[in-house]
C-alpha atoms as a PDB file:
ATOM      1  CA  MET A   1      25.347  18.454 -51.340  1.00  0.00           C
ATOM      2  CA  ASP A   2      21.707  19.360 -50.860  1.00  0.00           C
ATOM      3  CA  LEU A   3      20.873  22.061 -53.430  1.00  0.00           C
ATOM      4  CA  GLY A   4      17.995  23.230 -51.260  1.00  0.00           C
ATOM      5  CA  ILE A   5      15.465  23.368 -54.158  1.00  0.00           C
ATOM      6  CA  ALA A   6      13.606  20.141 -53.747  1.00  0.00           C
ATOM      7  CA  GLY A   7       9.838  20.980 -54.327  1.00  0.00           C
ATOM      8  CA  ARG A   8      10.375  23.753 -56.437  1.00  0.00           C
ATOM      9  CA  TRP A   9       8.919  24.325 -60.350  1.00  0.00           C
ATOM     10  CA  ALA A  10      11.244  24.450 -63.108  1.00  0.00           C
ATOM     11  CA  LEU A  11      10.428  25.084 -67.000  1.00  0.00           C
ATOM     12  CA  VAL A  12      13.114  23.530 -68.933  1.00  0.00           C
ATOM     13  CA  CYS A  13      13.163  24.300 -72.658  1.00  0.00           C
ATOM     14  CA  GLY A  14      14.670  22.208 -75.381  1.00  0.00           C
ATOM     15  CA  ALA A  15      14.628  19.016 -73.034  1.00  0.00           C
ATOM     16  CA  SER A  16      13.552  16.113 -75.214  1.00  0.00           C
ATOM     17  CA  LYS A  17      17.545  15.387 -75.604  1.00  0.00           C
ATOM     18  CA  GLY A  18      20.852  16.830 -75.295  1.00  0.00           C
ATOM     19  CA  LEU A  19      21.744  19.851 -72.988  1.00  0.00           C
ATOM     20  CA  GLY A  20      18.118  20.504 -72.225  1.00  0.00           C
ATOM     21  CA  LEU A  21      17.553  16.934 -70.987  1.00  0.00           C
ATOM     22  CA  GLY A  22      20.614  16.939 -69.202  1.00  0.00           C
ATOM     23  CA  CYS A  23      19.383  20.108 -67.240  1.00  0.00           C
ATOM     24  CA  ALA A  24      16.082  18.420 -66.528  1.00  0.00           C
ATOM     25  CA  GLN A  25      17.631  15.219 -65.201  1.00  0.00           C
ATOM     26  CA  ALA A  26      19.832  16.987 -62.864  1.00  0.00           C
ATOM     27  CA  LEU A  27      16.911  18.936 -61.486  1.00  0.00           C
ATOM     28  CA  VAL A  28      14.676  16.054 -61.049  1.00  0.00           C
ATOM     29  CA  ALA A  29      17.412  14.142 -59.404  1.00  0.00           C
ATOM     30  CA  GLU A  30      17.392  17.218 -56.654  1.00  0.00           C
ATOM     31  CA  GLY A  31      13.569  16.779 -56.275  1.00  0.00           C
ATOM     32  CA  VAL A  32      12.703  19.632 -58.525  1.00  0.00           C
ATOM     33  CA  ASN A  33       9.210  19.436 -60.223  1.00  0.00           C
ATOM     34  CA  VAL A  34       9.614  20.138 -64.163  1.00  0.00           C
ATOM     35  CA  LEU A  35       7.800  20.931 -67.032  1.00  0.00           C
ATOM     36  CA  ILE A  36       9.884  20.083 -70.042  1.00  0.00           C
ATOM     37  CA  VAL A  37       9.191  21.508 -73.611  1.00  0.00           C
ATOM     38  CA  ALA A  38      10.262  20.673 -77.009  1.00  0.00           C
ATOM     39  CA  ARG A  39       8.641  20.538 -80.422  1.00  0.00           C
ATOM     40  CA  GLY A  40       8.768  16.803 -81.093  1.00  0.00           C
ATOM     41  CA  ALA A  41       5.993  15.238 -79.029  1.00  0.00           C
ATOM     42  CA  GLU A  42       7.155  11.621 -79.385  1.00  0.00           C
ATOM     43  CA  ALA A  43      10.692  12.252 -78.051  1.00  0.00           C
ATOM     44  CA  LEU A  44       9.591  14.595 -75.316  1.00  0.00           C
ATOM     45  CA  GLN A  45       7.063  12.080 -73.982  1.00  0.00           C
ATOM     46  CA  ALA A  46       9.878   9.227 -74.125  1.00  0.00           C
ATOM     47  CA  SER A  47      12.193  11.831 -72.136  1.00  0.00           C
ATOM     48  CA  ALA A  48       9.427  12.477 -69.751  1.00  0.00           C
ATOM     49  CA  THR A  49       9.109   8.686 -68.989  1.00  0.00           C
ATOM     50  CA  LYS A  50      12.740   8.220 -68.535  1.00  0.00           C
ATOM     51  CA  LEU A  51      12.964  11.203 -66.144  1.00  0.00           C
ATOM     52  CA  ILE A  52      10.296   9.584 -64.017  1.00  0.00           C
ATOM     53  CA  ALA A  53      11.765   6.125 -64.101  1.00  0.00           C
ATOM     54  CA  ALA A  54      15.191   7.565 -63.241  1.00  0.00           C
ATOM     55  CA  ARG A  55      13.859   9.163 -59.726  1.00  0.00           C
ATOM     56  CA  ALA A  56      15.367   7.577 -56.616  1.00  0.00           C
ATOM     57  CA  ASP A  57      13.225   6.069 -54.070  1.00  0.00           C
ATOM     58  CA  GLY A  58      11.501   8.664 -52.069  1.00  0.00           C
ATOM     59  CA  ASN A  59      11.819  11.254 -54.948  1.00  0.00           C
ATOM     60  CA  CYS A  60       8.325  12.539 -55.715  1.00  0.00           C
ATOM     61  CA  ALA A  61       9.356  15.154 -58.451  1.00  0.00           C
ATOM     62  CA  GLU A  62       6.533  15.653 -61.066  1.00  0.00           C
ATOM     63  CA  VAL A  63       7.394  15.622 -64.576  1.00  0.00           C
ATOM     64  CA  LEU A  64       5.031  17.469 -67.054  1.00  0.00           C
ATOM     65  CA  PHE A  65       5.852  18.013 -70.800  1.00  0.00           C
ATOM     66  CA  CYS A  66       4.350  20.339 -73.448  1.00  0.00           C
ATOM     67  CA  ALA A  67       5.160  19.684 -77.077  1.00  0.00           C
ATOM     68  CA  ALA A  68       5.287  23.203 -78.316  1.00  0.00           C
ATOM     69  CA  ASP A  69       7.631  25.768 -80.122  1.00  0.00           C
ATOM     70  CA  ILE A  70       8.768  27.833 -77.479  1.00  0.00           C
ATOM     71  CA  THR A  71      10.089  30.419 -79.844  1.00  0.00           C
ATOM     72  CA  THR A  72       6.590  31.229 -80.816  1.00  0.00           C
ATOM     73  CA  VAL A  73       3.790  33.310 -79.072  1.00  0.00           C
ATOM     74  CA  GLU A  74       1.469  30.462 -79.427  1.00  0.00           C
ATOM     75  CA  GLY A  75       4.194  27.896 -78.028  1.00  0.00           C
ATOM     76  CA  ARG A  76       4.559  30.203 -74.936  1.00  0.00           C
ATOM     77  CA  ALA A  77       0.966  30.312 -74.428  1.00  0.00           C
ATOM     78  CA  ALA A  78       0.621  26.673 -74.527  1.00  0.00           C
ATOM     79  CA  VAL A  79       3.487  26.355 -71.884  1.00  0.00           C
ATOM     80  CA  PHE A  80       1.844  28.930 -69.607  1.00  0.00           C
ATOM     81  CA  ALA A  81      -1.679  27.401 -69.886  1.00  0.00           C
ATOM     82  CA  ILE A  82      -0.196  24.433 -68.129  1.00  0.00           C
ATOM     83  CA  ARG A  83       1.556  26.345 -65.386  1.00  0.00           C
ATOM     84  CA  SER A  84       2.008  30.005 -64.904  1.00  0.00           C
ATOM     85  CA  ASP A  85       4.485  30.204 -61.978  1.00  0.00           C
ATOM     86  CA  PHE A  86       7.924  28.854 -62.004  1.00  0.00           C
ATOM     87  CA  ASP A  87      10.846  29.185 -59.539  1.00  0.00           C
ATOM     88  CA  ILE A  88      13.531  28.189 -62.026  1.00  0.00           C
ATOM     89  CA  VAL A  89      13.476  28.497 -65.775  1.00  0.00           C
ATOM     90  CA  VAL A  90      16.085  27.314 -68.066  1.00  0.00           C
ATOM     91  CA  THR A  91      15.934  28.863 -71.529  1.00  0.00           C
ATOM     92  CA  ASN A  92      17.142  26.883 -74.395  1.00  0.00           C
ATOM     93  CA  ALA A  93      16.803  26.860 -78.147  1.00  0.00           C
ATOM     94  CA  GLY A  94      18.548  25.458 -80.954  1.00  0.00           C
ATOM     95  CA  GLY A  95      21.237  27.479 -82.600  1.00  0.00           C
ATOM     96  CA  PRO A  96      20.777  28.880 -86.061  1.00  0.00           C
ATOM     97  CA  PRO A  97      22.650  27.189 -88.891  1.00  0.00           C
ATOM     98  CA  PRO A  98      26.215  28.041 -89.976  1.00  0.00           C
ATOM     99  CA  GLY A  99      27.042  29.730 -93.059  1.00  0.00           C
ATOM    100  CA  ASP A 100      28.588  32.644 -94.721  1.00  0.00           C
ATOM    101  CA  PHE A 101      27.360  35.985 -93.457  1.00  0.00           C
ATOM    102  CA  ARG A 102      26.876  37.047 -97.165  1.00  0.00           C
ATOM    103  CA  SER A 103      23.980  34.552 -97.590  1.00  0.00           C
ATOM    104  CA  TRP A 104      21.965  35.662 -94.785  1.00  0.00           C
ATOM    105  CA  ASP A 105      18.964  37.937 -95.447  1.00  0.00           C
ATOM    106  CA  ARG A 106      16.965  39.775 -93.013  1.00  0.00           C
ATOM    107  CA  ASP A 107      14.439  36.944 -92.573  1.00  0.00           C
ATOM    108  CA  ALA A 108      17.530  34.529 -91.362  1.00  0.00           C
ATOM    109  CA  TRP A 109      18.554  37.454 -89.020  1.00  0.00           C
ATOM    110  CA  ILE A 110      15.179  37.945 -87.401  1.00  0.00           C
ATOM    111  CA  LYS A 111      14.654  34.239 -86.956  1.00  0.00           C
ATOM    112  CA  ALA A 112      17.893  33.964 -85.183  1.00  0.00           C
ATOM    113  CA  VAL A 113      17.177  36.859 -82.979  1.00  0.00           C
ATOM    114  CA  ASP A 114      13.567  35.500 -82.256  1.00  0.00           C
ATOM    115  CA  ALA A 115      14.928  32.272 -81.061  1.00  0.00           C
ATOM    116  CA  ASN A 116      18.111  32.979 -79.374  1.00  0.00           C
ATOM    117  CA  MET A 117      17.413  36.487 -77.971  1.00  0.00           C
ATOM    118  CA  LEU A 118      13.843  37.613 -77.868  1.00  0.00           C
ATOM    119  CA  THR A 119      12.642  34.210 -76.876  1.00  0.00           C
ATOM    120  CA  PRO A 120      14.564  34.023 -73.614  1.00  0.00           C
ATOM    121  CA  ILE A 121      13.919  37.635 -72.947  1.00  0.00           C
ATOM    122  CA  GLU A 122       9.997  36.933 -73.248  1.00  0.00           C
ATOM    123  CA  LEU A 123      10.233  33.927 -70.709  1.00  0.00           C
ATOM    124  CA  ILE A 124      12.297  36.105 -68.456  1.00  0.00           C
ATOM    125  CA  LYS A 125       9.450  38.914 -68.587  1.00  0.00           C
ATOM    126  CA  ALA A 126       6.815  36.321 -67.960  1.00  0.00           C
ATOM    127  CA  THR A 127       8.379  34.941 -64.939  1.00  0.00           C
ATOM    128  CA  VAL A 128      10.628  37.210 -62.937  1.00  0.00           C
ATOM    129  CA  ASP A 129       7.892  39.271 -61.128  1.00  0.00           C
ATOM    130  CA  GLY A 130       6.398  36.120 -59.533  1.00  0.00           C
ATOM    131  CA  MET A 131       9.864  34.813 -58.613  1.00  0.00           C
ATOM    132  CA  ALA A 132      10.544  38.291 -56.939  1.00  0.00           C
ATOM    133  CA  ALA A 133       7.346  38.295 -55.217  1.00  0.00           C
ATOM    134  CA  ARG A 134       8.223  34.729 -53.609  1.00  0.00           C
ATOM    135  CA  GLY A 135      11.550  35.814 -52.999  1.00  0.00           C
ATOM    136  CA  PHE A 136      13.309  33.154 -55.028  1.00  0.00           C
ATOM    137  CA  GLY A 137      14.068  32.517 -58.525  1.00  0.00           C
ATOM    138  CA  ARG A 138      16.652  31.226 -60.671  1.00  0.00           C
ATOM    139  CA  ILE A 139      16.991  31.673 -64.635  1.00  0.00           C
ATOM    140  CA  VAL A 140      19.667  30.020 -66.416  1.00  0.00           C
ATOM    141  CA  ASN A 141      19.998  30.698 -70.136  1.00  0.00           C
ATOM    142  CA  ILE A 142      21.969  28.219 -72.341  1.00  0.00           C
ATOM    143  CA  THR A 143      24.037  30.284 -74.752  1.00  0.00           C
ATOM    144  CA  SER A 144      27.175  29.388 -76.283  1.00  0.00           C
ATOM    145  CA  SER A 145      31.025  29.387 -75.741  1.00  0.00           C
ATOM    146  CA  ALA A 146      30.850  31.428 -79.020  1.00  0.00           C
ATOM    147  CA  VAL A 147      29.830  34.354 -77.029  1.00  0.00           C
ATOM    148  CA  LYS A 148      33.187  34.667 -75.728  1.00  0.00           C
ATOM    149  CA  ALA A 149      35.301  33.444 -78.656  1.00  0.00           C
ATOM    150  CA  PRO A 150      33.156  33.854 -81.657  1.00  0.00           C
ATOM    151  CA  ILE A 151      33.315  31.253 -84.675  1.00  0.00           C
ATOM    152  CA  ASP A 152      33.142  33.021 -87.992  1.00  0.00           C
ATOM    153  CA  THR A 153      30.695  30.394 -89.531  1.00  0.00           C
ATOM    154  CA  LEU A 154      28.254  31.048 -86.518  1.00  0.00           C
ATOM    155  CA  GLY A 155      27.701  34.578 -87.153  1.00  0.00           C
ATOM    156  CA  LEU A 156      23.750  34.337 -86.668  1.00  0.00           C
ATOM    157  CA  SER A 157      24.491  32.786 -83.153  1.00  0.00           C
ATOM    158  CA  ASN A 158      27.104  35.105 -82.424  1.00  0.00           C
ATOM    159  CA  GLY A 159      24.924  37.918 -83.036  1.00  0.00           C
ATOM    160  CA  ALA A 160      21.796  36.889 -81.455  1.00  0.00           C
ATOM    161  CA  ARG A 161      23.356  35.446 -78.440  1.00  0.00           C
ATOM    162  CA  SER A 162      25.486  38.339 -77.653  1.00  0.00           C
ATOM    163  CA  GLY A 163      22.489  40.503 -77.830  1.00  0.00           C
ATOM    164  CA  LEU A 164      20.883  38.432 -75.061  1.00  0.00           C
ATOM    165  CA  THR A 165      24.308  38.473 -73.133  1.00  0.00           C
ATOM    166  CA  GLY A 166      23.995  42.252 -73.049  1.00  0.00           C
ATOM    167  CA  PHE A 167      20.390  42.264 -71.964  1.00  0.00           C
ATOM    168  CA  VAL A 168      21.039  39.928 -69.155  1.00  0.00           C
ATOM    169  CA  ALA A 169      23.991  41.993 -67.987  1.00  0.00           C
ATOM    170  CA  GLY A 170      21.827  44.929 -67.136  1.00  0.00           C
ATOM    171  CA  VAL A 171      18.431  43.142 -66.016  1.00  0.00           C
ATOM    172  CA  ALA A 172      20.492  40.696 -63.599  1.00  0.00           C
ATOM    173  CA  ARG A 173      21.643  43.686 -62.002  1.00  0.00           C
ATOM    174  CA  SER A 174      18.214  45.390 -61.578  1.00  0.00           C
ATOM    175  CA  PRO A 175      16.330  45.411 -58.190  1.00  0.00           C
ATOM    176  CA  LEU A 176      15.581  41.763 -59.052  1.00  0.00           C
ATOM    177  CA  ALA A 177      18.947  40.688 -57.728  1.00  0.00           C
ATOM    178  CA  ALA A 178      17.815  42.174 -54.004  1.00  0.00           C
ATOM    179  CA  GLN A 179      14.723  39.911 -54.279  1.00  0.00           C
ATOM    180  CA  GLY A 180      16.358  36.688 -54.437  1.00  0.00           C
ATOM    181  CA  VAL A 181      16.297  36.336 -58.382  1.00  0.00           C
ATOM    182  CA  THR A 182      19.333  35.584 -60.297  1.00  0.00           C
ATOM    183  CA  ILE A 183      19.760  35.449 -63.862  1.00  0.00           C
ATOM    184  CA  ASN A 184      22.905  33.826 -65.410  1.00  0.00           C
ATOM    185  CA  ASN A 185      24.124  32.460 -68.694  1.00  0.00           C
ATOM    186  CA  LEU A 186      25.641  28.932 -69.211  1.00  0.00           C
ATOM    187  CA  LEU A 187      27.906  28.875 -72.069  1.00  0.00           C
ATOM    188  CA  PRO A 188      28.479  25.176 -73.608  1.00  0.00           C
ATOM    189  CA  GLY A 189      31.719  24.432 -75.511  1.00  0.00           C
ATOM    190  CA  ALA A 190      31.824  21.020 -77.217  1.00  0.00           C
ATOM    191  CA  PHE A 191      29.289  18.724 -75.673  1.00  0.00           C
ATOM    192  CA  ASP A 192      28.387  15.181 -77.057  1.00  0.00           C
ATOM    193  CA  THR A 193      25.106  16.209 -78.620  1.00  0.00           C
ATOM    194  CA  ASP A 194      23.228  15.592 -81.710  1.00  0.00           C
ATOM    195  CA  ARG A 195      24.235  19.229 -82.999  1.00  0.00           C
ATOM    196  CA  LEU A 196      27.946  18.583 -82.405  1.00  0.00           C
ATOM    197  CA  GLN A 197      27.804  15.324 -84.441  1.00  0.00           C
ATOM    198  CA  GLY A 198      25.869  17.006 -87.155  1.00  0.00           C
ATOM    199  CA  GLY A 199      28.543  19.667 -87.275  1.00  0.00           C
ATOM    200  CA  PHE A 200      31.324  16.844 -87.571  1.00  0.00           C
ATOM    201  CA  GLN A 201      29.289  15.322 -90.442  1.00  0.00           C
ATOM    202  CA  ASN A 202      28.813  18.763 -92.330  1.00  0.00           C
ATOM    203  CA  ALA A 203      32.589  19.214 -91.996  1.00  0.00           C
ATOM    204  CA  SER A 204      33.432  15.692 -93.382  1.00  0.00           C
ATOM    205  CA  ALA A 205      31.188  16.445 -96.365  1.00  0.00           C
ATOM    206  CA  LYS A 206      33.145  19.700 -96.931  1.00  0.00           C
ATOM    207  CA  THR A 207      36.449  18.387 -96.381  1.00  0.00           C
ATOM    208  CA  GLY A 208      36.666  15.032 -97.402  1.00  0.00           C
ATOM    209  CA  GLN A 209      37.823  13.728 -94.110  1.00  0.00           C
ATOM    210  CA  SER A 210      36.293  11.100 -92.216  1.00  0.00           C
ATOM    211  CA  VAL A 211      33.947  12.086 -89.438  1.00  0.00           C
ATOM    212  CA  ASP A 212      36.042  10.195 -86.950  1.00  0.00           C
ATOM    213  CA  ALA A 213      39.088  12.219 -88.313  1.00  0.00           C
ATOM    214  CA  VAL A 214      37.055  15.525 -87.971  1.00  0.00           C
ATOM    215  CA  ALA A 215      35.943  14.720 -84.360  1.00  0.00           C
ATOM    216  CA  ASP A 216      39.463  13.643 -83.249  1.00  0.00           C
ATOM    217  CA  ALA A 217      40.910  16.939 -84.410  1.00  0.00           C
ATOM    218  CA  ARG A 218      38.175  18.781 -82.455  1.00  0.00           C
ATOM    219  CA  ARG A 219      38.963  16.759 -79.436  1.00  0.00           C
ATOM    220  CA  LYS A 220      42.636  17.276 -79.541  1.00  0.00           C
ATOM    221  CA  GLY A 221      42.053  21.039 -79.487  1.00  0.00           C
ATOM    222  CA  ILE A 222      40.407  20.802 -75.920  1.00  0.00           C
ATOM    223  CA  PRO A 223      42.733  20.791 -73.121  1.00  0.00           C
ATOM    224  CA  ALA A 224      40.727  18.232 -71.486  1.00  0.00           C
ATOM    225  CA  GLN A 225      40.980  15.917 -74.531  1.00  0.00           C
ATOM    226  CA  ARG A 226      37.218  14.981 -74.559  1.00  0.00           C
ATOM    227  CA  PHE A 227      33.821  16.043 -75.081  1.00  0.00           C
ATOM    228  CA  GLY A 228      31.568  17.362 -72.299  1.00  0.00           C
ATOM    229  CA  THR A 229      28.331  15.184 -71.297  1.00  0.00           C
ATOM    230  CA  PRO A 230      24.920  16.630 -70.991  1.00  0.00           C
ATOM    231  CA  GLN A 231      24.817  15.064 -67.518  1.00  0.00           C
ATOM    232  CA  GLU A 232      27.914  17.163 -66.308  1.00  0.00           C
ATOM    233  CA  PHE A 233      26.471  20.120 -68.024  1.00  0.00           C
ATOM    234  CA  GLY A 234      23.191  19.568 -66.185  1.00  0.00           C
ATOM    235  CA  ALA A 235      24.835  19.432 -62.951  1.00  0.00           C
ATOM    236  CA  ILE A 236      26.364  22.733 -63.518  1.00  0.00           C
ATOM    237  CA  CYS A 237      23.007  24.202 -64.317  1.00  0.00           C
ATOM    238  CA  ALA A 238      21.389  22.670 -61.167  1.00  0.00           C
ATOM    239  CA  PHE A 239      24.137  24.273 -58.958  1.00  0.00           C
ATOM    240  CA  LEU A 240      23.376  27.697 -60.639  1.00  0.00           C
ATOM    241  CA  CYS A 241      19.596  27.006 -59.530  1.00  0.00           C
ATOM    242  CA  SER A 242      20.748  26.273 -56.056  1.00  0.00           C
ATOM    243  CA  VAL A 243      20.475  28.270 -52.829  1.00  0.00           C
ATOM    244  CA  GLN A 244      23.976  28.238 -52.642  1.00  0.00           C
ATOM    245  CA  ALA A 245      24.384  30.033 -55.803  1.00  0.00           C
ATOM    246  CA  GLY A 246      22.392  32.889 -54.590  1.00  0.00           C
ATOM    247  CA  TYR A 247      25.160  35.305 -54.731  1.00  0.00           C
ATOM    248  CA  MET A 248      26.140  34.683 -58.228  1.00  0.00           C
ATOM    249  CA  THR A 249      24.087  36.811 -60.798  1.00  0.00           C
ATOM    250  CA  GLY A 250      24.684  38.247 -64.181  1.00  0.00           C
ATOM    251  CA  GLN A 251      27.633  35.740 -64.749  1.00  0.00           C
ATOM    252  CA  ASN A 252      28.570  33.894 -68.072  1.00  0.00           C
ATOM    253  CA  VAL A 253      29.783  30.564 -66.821  1.00  0.00           C
ATOM    254  CA  LEU A 254      31.783  28.744 -69.380  1.00  0.00           C
ATOM    255  CA  ALA A 255      32.103  25.045 -69.762  1.00  0.00           C
ATOM    256  CA  ASP A 256      34.167  24.042 -72.447  1.00  0.00           C
ATOM    257  CA  GLY A 257      37.134  21.831 -71.082  1.00  0.00           C
ATOM    258  CA  GLY A 258      39.472  24.641 -71.127  1.00  0.00           C
ATOM    259  CA  ALA A 259      39.144  25.205 -74.806  1.00  0.00           C
ATOM    260  CA  TYR A 260      38.848  29.092 -74.456  1.00  0.00           C
ATOM    261  CA  ALA A 261      42.346  30.174 -73.928  1.00  0.00           C
ATOM    262  CA  GLY A 262      41.780  33.747 -72.740  1.00  0.00           C
ATOM    263  CA  THR A 263      42.571  35.178 -69.179  1.00  0.00           C
ATOM    264  CA  TYR A 264      39.313  36.779 -68.747  1.00  0.00           C
END
């Protein structure tokens, strides 16, 4: 299927590895020009090189990169100094650490809200009017399956990402929807990323079980009996950015292998 977005420009955050990189790979494969952002310059440049090398013959998609912390004012300024207009924006920032809510002070909450609620809002604010003026725009916020099924140790993420979800529910149904701009959230479950592996290691250290045993128990709790891959996550993201998805906005798209057992 031709997604109809070749030649568009996309900003993809947290794209040096994991789910962000999977989204960038899928968009570049569709001929979308991308500006990828992450904090680690070396890993980001290596990922940009891989994206360019993976292009098929005839695919001239440009790949730019900016090593910056997108959760800061300075980081966003660095990104928009390279390019100010985007047709597609994929917001993505690492989730806050797990823990006991009793140990989180105000600074921990502010940091979580800054990264996982206010940063996506700032990126939306900076780009949607240009999208509306051009008659096409796609914003995809990478959030978490915990928005639908909260995890007690991820309270910082539960709270901040739920705040973003509530905001998107309103703004996605504003007059922007009639101007060709869609805003959706993509909720990952257990995908095979460094963050997931780090969680297994932490659980192993706390329980005394091996990392393999922890991972196997998690896998068995997923109806698909496996973890997702960044590449298939990226394919879902690319579809949400497509012309075919123009009638989808304000949605929370869950990709978790069936782990969420709710009807709605």
